[in-house]
Amino acid sequence: MSPIITHQDELELAKTEKELVSQLKKVAKWQRSVVNSQKSLADNIAKLNIAKQSLNRTFRDTLKQMQTLARESKSNIKDEEVNIFQDIIHANDGYIEANNKYVNAIKDLAIKKDYLATRKDLFASALLEVANKRSGLIKKALSIERTKNKMIEGSKLTTLENELNDLQRDYDRARNILLKEIEQFLQVRSELNELWSKLKNSISQMS
């Protein structure tokens, strides 16, 4: 046998929705903190890459001098050393390219995560509106039920029922807005998941 659903259950739902609003806003706040950390990480990796590019230019200058000396039989530079430096330069080029892809992926991810935090806030605001209107609607309905028991005149009851209908329409509008906000939130979250995959694929051997 199904349990009897009461107005109190809907009021309890509104209370729980308000707690959910609080948790959504808290997560959005921390998400922005993580976004700032990721942006800082991306900036530091970009600076590191600039230093690596400078390092590799100096490696190339050194290699040219070694190659020149290696042609002289009397020099102390051997082909093995030249080959080692060539391998280092080639590997560094790969690391620099990989780091650039990684930095771009982190930045794209951070931007989308920041937008997701905004969508969470909008989701929370719409949910709070629904929770408040749900409470108002249920309390009005309970008030009318109590009034009916007092056998008031029909015109006053009609006025109260019209007020209830207005509240119902307001609630329905708020719920429709909430559903749209949830849809947009889920869309952005899906896009974020795709960027996580892109970030994962951008990670190769880096040093």
Protein backbone atom coordinates (compact mmCIF):
# COMPACT_ATOMS: atom_id res chain seq x y z
CA MET A 1 0.00 0.00 0.00
CA SER A 2 1.47 3.38 -1.05
CA PRO A 3 2.15 5.92 1.71
CA ILE A 4 -0.17 8.91 1.94
CA ILE A 5 1.48 12.05 0.57
CA THR A 6 0.71 15.15 2.62
CA HIS A 7 1.27 18.87 2.24
CA GLN A 8 3.93 18.51 4.91
CA ASP A 9 5.91 16.29 2.54
CA GLU A 10 5.98 19.07 -0.05
CA LEU A 11 7.04 21.60 2.56
CA GLU A 12 9.84 19.21 3.56
CA LEU A 13 10.85 18.99 -0.11
CA ALA A 14 11.08 22.78 -0.30
CA LYS A 15 13.31 22.73 2.78
CA THR A 16 15.56 20.09 1.22
CA GLU A 17 15.70 22.05 -2.04
CA LYS A 18 16.99 25.08 -0.11
CA GLU A 19 19.73 22.90 1.39
CA LEU A 20 20.56 21.75 -2.13
CA VAL A 21 20.81 25.40 -3.19
CA SER A 22 23.36 26.00 -0.43
CA GLN A 23 25.43 22.99 -1.49
CA LEU A 24 25.34 23.99 -5.17
CA LYS A 25 26.63 27.47 -4.33
CA LYS A 26 29.37 26.01 -2.13
CA VAL A 27 30.55 23.69 -4.92
CA ALA A 28 30.47 26.57 -7.43
CA LYS A 29 32.64 28.66 -5.08
CA TRP A 30 35.27 25.92 -4.71
CA GLN A 31 35.12 25.19 -8.42
CA ARG A 32 36.14 28.78 -9.12
CA SER A 33 39.03 28.36 -6.68
CA VAL A 34 40.19 25.29 -8.62
CA VAL A 35 39.80 27.20 -11.89
CA ASN A 36 42.13 29.93 -10.58
CA SER A 37 44.67 27.28 -9.60
CA GLN A 38 44.46 25.67 -13.03
CA LYS A 39 44.94 29.03 -14.75
CA SER A 40 47.98 29.64 -12.56
CA LEU A 41 49.32 26.18 -13.43
CA ALA A 42 48.82 26.84 -17.14
CA ASP A 43 50.65 30.18 -16.86
CA ASN A 44 53.58 28.55 -15.04
CA ILE A 45 53.84 25.75 -17.60
CA ALA A 46 53.76 28.35 -20.39
CA LYS A 47 56.63 30.23 -18.71
CA LEU A 48 58.51 26.95 -18.31
CA ASN A 49 58.02 26.27 -22.01
CA ILE A 50 59.48 29.67 -22.92
CA ALA A 51 62.54 28.80 -20.83
CA LYS A 52 62.75 25.39 -22.57
CA GLN A 53 62.61 27.05 -25.97
CA SER A 54 65.47 29.32 -24.97
CA LEU A 55 67.37 26.32 -23.64
CA ASN A 56 66.88 24.44 -26.89
CA ARG A 57 68.15 27.38 -28.93
CA THR A 58 71.33 27.33 -26.84
CA PHE A 59 71.54 23.56 -27.33
CA ARG A 60 71.38 24.13 -31.09
CA ASP A 61 74.11 26.79 -30.95
CA THR A 62 76.24 24.39 -28.94
CA LEU A 63 75.53 21.58 -31.40
CA LYS A 64 76.63 23.71 -34.37
CA GLN A 65 79.94 24.42 -32.66
CA MET A 66 80.37 20.73 -31.81
CA GLN A 67 79.60 19.69 -35.41
CA THR A 68 82.20 22.15 -36.69
CA LEU A 69 84.82 20.85 -34.28
CA ALA A 70 83.90 17.23 -34.96
CA ARG A 71 85.10 17.66 -38.55
CA GLU A 72 88.61 18.24 -37.26
CA SER A 73 90.37 15.02 -36.41
CA LYS A 74 92.43 16.74 -33.75
CA SER A 75 89.39 18.02 -31.81
CA ASN A 76 88.14 16.35 -28.69
CA ILE A 77 84.55 16.19 -30.03
CA LYS A 78 83.37 12.76 -31.10
CA ASP A 79 80.37 11.83 -33.27
CA GLU A 80 78.81 10.12 -30.26
CA GLU A 81 78.60 13.44 -28.41
CA VAL A 82 77.11 15.16 -31.45
CA ASN A 83 74.46 12.43 -31.76
CA ILE A 84 73.59 12.71 -28.06
CA PHE A 85 73.02 16.47 -28.36
CA GLN A 86 70.93 15.95 -31.49
CA ASP A 87 68.75 13.45 -29.61
CA ILE A 88 68.33 15.86 -26.68
CA ILE A 89 67.27 18.70 -29.01
CA HIS A 90 64.80 16.45 -30.82
CA ALA A 91 63.31 15.23 -27.54
CA ASN A 92 63.06 18.80 -26.21
CA ASP A 93 61.15 19.84 -29.34
CA GLY A 94 58.67 17.05 -28.59
CA TYR A 95 58.33 18.09 -24.94
CA ILE A 96 57.75 21.73 -25.90
CA GLU A 97 55.05 20.79 -28.41
CA ALA A 98 53.39 18.47 -25.87
CA ASN A 99 53.50 21.15 -23.18
CA ASN A 100 51.89 23.68 -25.51
CA LYS A 101 49.01 21.28 -26.21
CA TYR A 102 48.72 20.59 -22.48
CA VAL A 103 48.62 24.30 -21.61
CA ASN A 104 45.94 25.00 -24.24
CA ALA A 105 43.87 22.06 -22.96
CA ILE A 106 44.15 23.28 -19.34
CA LYS A 107 43.10 26.80 -20.34
CA ASP A 108 40.09 25.51 -22.32
CA LEU A 109 39.13 23.33 -19.38
CA ALA A 110 39.47 26.18 -16.88
CA ILE A 111 37.26 28.47 -18.99
CA LYS A 112 34.57 25.80 -19.28
CA LYS A 113 34.77 24.96 -15.56
CA ASP A 114 34.34 28.63 -14.72
CA TYR A 115 31.25 28.71 -16.95
CA LEU A 116 29.95 25.54 -15.29
CA ALA A 117 30.28 27.29 -11.91
CA THR A 118 28.15 30.13 -13.31
CA ARG A 119 25.56 27.63 -14.53
CA LYS A 120 25.56 26.04 -11.05
CA ASP A 121 24.78 29.45 -9.53
CA LEU A 122 21.95 29.99 -12.02
CA PHE A 123 20.67 26.48 -11.32
CA ALA A 124 20.76 27.24 -7.58
CA SER A 125 18.95 30.58 -7.99
CA ALA A 126 16.21 28.99 -10.08
CA LEU A 127 15.87 26.14 -7.58
CA LEU A 128 15.61 28.60 -4.68
CA GLU A 129 12.83 30.42 -6.55
CA VAL A 130 10.98 27.13 -7.00
CA ALA A 131 11.45 26.16 -3.34
CA ASN A 132 10.14 29.52 -2.13
CA LYS A 133 7.15 29.43 -4.47
CA ARG A 134 6.47 25.80 -3.51
CA SER A 135 6.35 26.79 0.17
CA GLY A 136 4.09 29.76 -0.55
CA LEU A 137 1.77 27.69 -2.71
CA ILE A 138 1.41 24.88 -0.15
CA LYS A 139 0.91 27.26 2.77
CA LYS A 140 -1.77 29.12 0.79
CA ALA A 141 -3.52 25.83 -0.01
CA LEU A 142 -3.45 24.84 3.66
CA SER A 143 -4.83 28.25 4.62
CA ILE A 144 -7.71 27.85 2.18
CA GLU A 145 -8.48 24.38 3.53
CA ARG A 146 -8.67 25.79 7.05
CA THR A 147 -10.85 28.66 5.81
CA LYS A 148 -13.27 26.27 4.12
CA ASN A 149 -13.86 24.58 7.46
CA LYS A 150 -14.99 27.92 8.87
CA MET A 151 -17.86 28.09 6.35
CA ILE A 152 -16.93 31.54 4.97
CA GLU A 153 -19.00 33.26 2.28
CA GLY A 154 -18.54 32.12 -1.32
CA SER A 155 -17.13 35.38 -2.69
CA LYS A 156 -14.29 35.40 -0.18
CA LEU A 157 -13.53 31.77 -0.95
CA THR A 158 -13.46 32.56 -4.68
CA THR A 159 -10.98 35.36 -4.05
CA LEU A 160 -8.74 33.02 -2.07
CA GLU A 161 -8.92 30.35 -4.79
CA ASN A 162 -8.01 32.94 -7.42
CA GLU A 163 -4.99 33.91 -5.33
CA LEU A 164 -4.07 30.23 -5.13
CA ASN A 165 -4.36 29.90 -8.91
CA ASP A 166 -2.06 32.91 -9.35
CA LEU A 167 0.48 31.30 -7.04
CA GLN A 168 0.20 28.05 -9.00
CA ARG A 169 0.91 29.88 -12.27
CA ASP A 170 3.91 31.63 -10.67
CA TYR A 171 5.17 28.28 -9.44
CA ASP A 172 4.72 26.67 -12.87
CA ARG A 173 6.68 29.50 -14.52
CA ALA A 174 9.47 29.15 -11.96
CA ARG A 175 9.58 25.39 -12.47
CA ASN A 176 9.83 25.81 -16.25
CA ILE A 177 12.73 28.21 -15.79
CA LEU A 178 14.39 25.71 -13.44
CA LEU A 179 14.04 22.91 -15.99
CA LYS A 180 15.71 25.09 -18.64
CA GLU A 181 18.53 25.96 -16.23
CA ILE A 182 19.06 22.28 -15.44
CA GLU A 183 19.14 21.47 -19.16
CA GLN A 184 21.80 24.13 -19.79
CA PHE A 185 23.78 23.00 -16.74
CA LEU A 186 23.82 19.41 -18.02
CA GLN A 187 24.84 20.59 -21.50
CA VAL A 188 27.83 22.53 -20.16
CA ARG A 189 28.79 19.60 -17.94
CA SER A 190 28.75 17.34 -21.00
CA GLU A 191 30.98 19.79 -22.88
CA LEU A 192 33.31 19.86 -19.87
CA ASN A 193 33.58 16.06 -19.92
CA GLU A 194 34.68 16.27 -23.57
CA LEU A 195 37.39 18.76 -22.61
CA TRP A 196 38.61 16.41 -19.87
CA SER A 197 39.05 13.76 -22.56
CA LYS A 198 40.92 16.28 -24.71
CA LEU A 199 43.19 17.10 -21.76
CA LYS A 200 43.86 13.42 -21.14
CA ASN A 201 44.74 12.92 -24.81
CA SER A 202 47.07 15.92 -24.73
CA ILE A 203 49.24 14.29 -22.11
CA SER A 204 52.22 12.51 -23.59
CA GLN A 205 55.83 12.26 -22.50
CA MET A 206 56.70 15.58 -20.94
CA SER A 207 59.76 16.66 -19.02
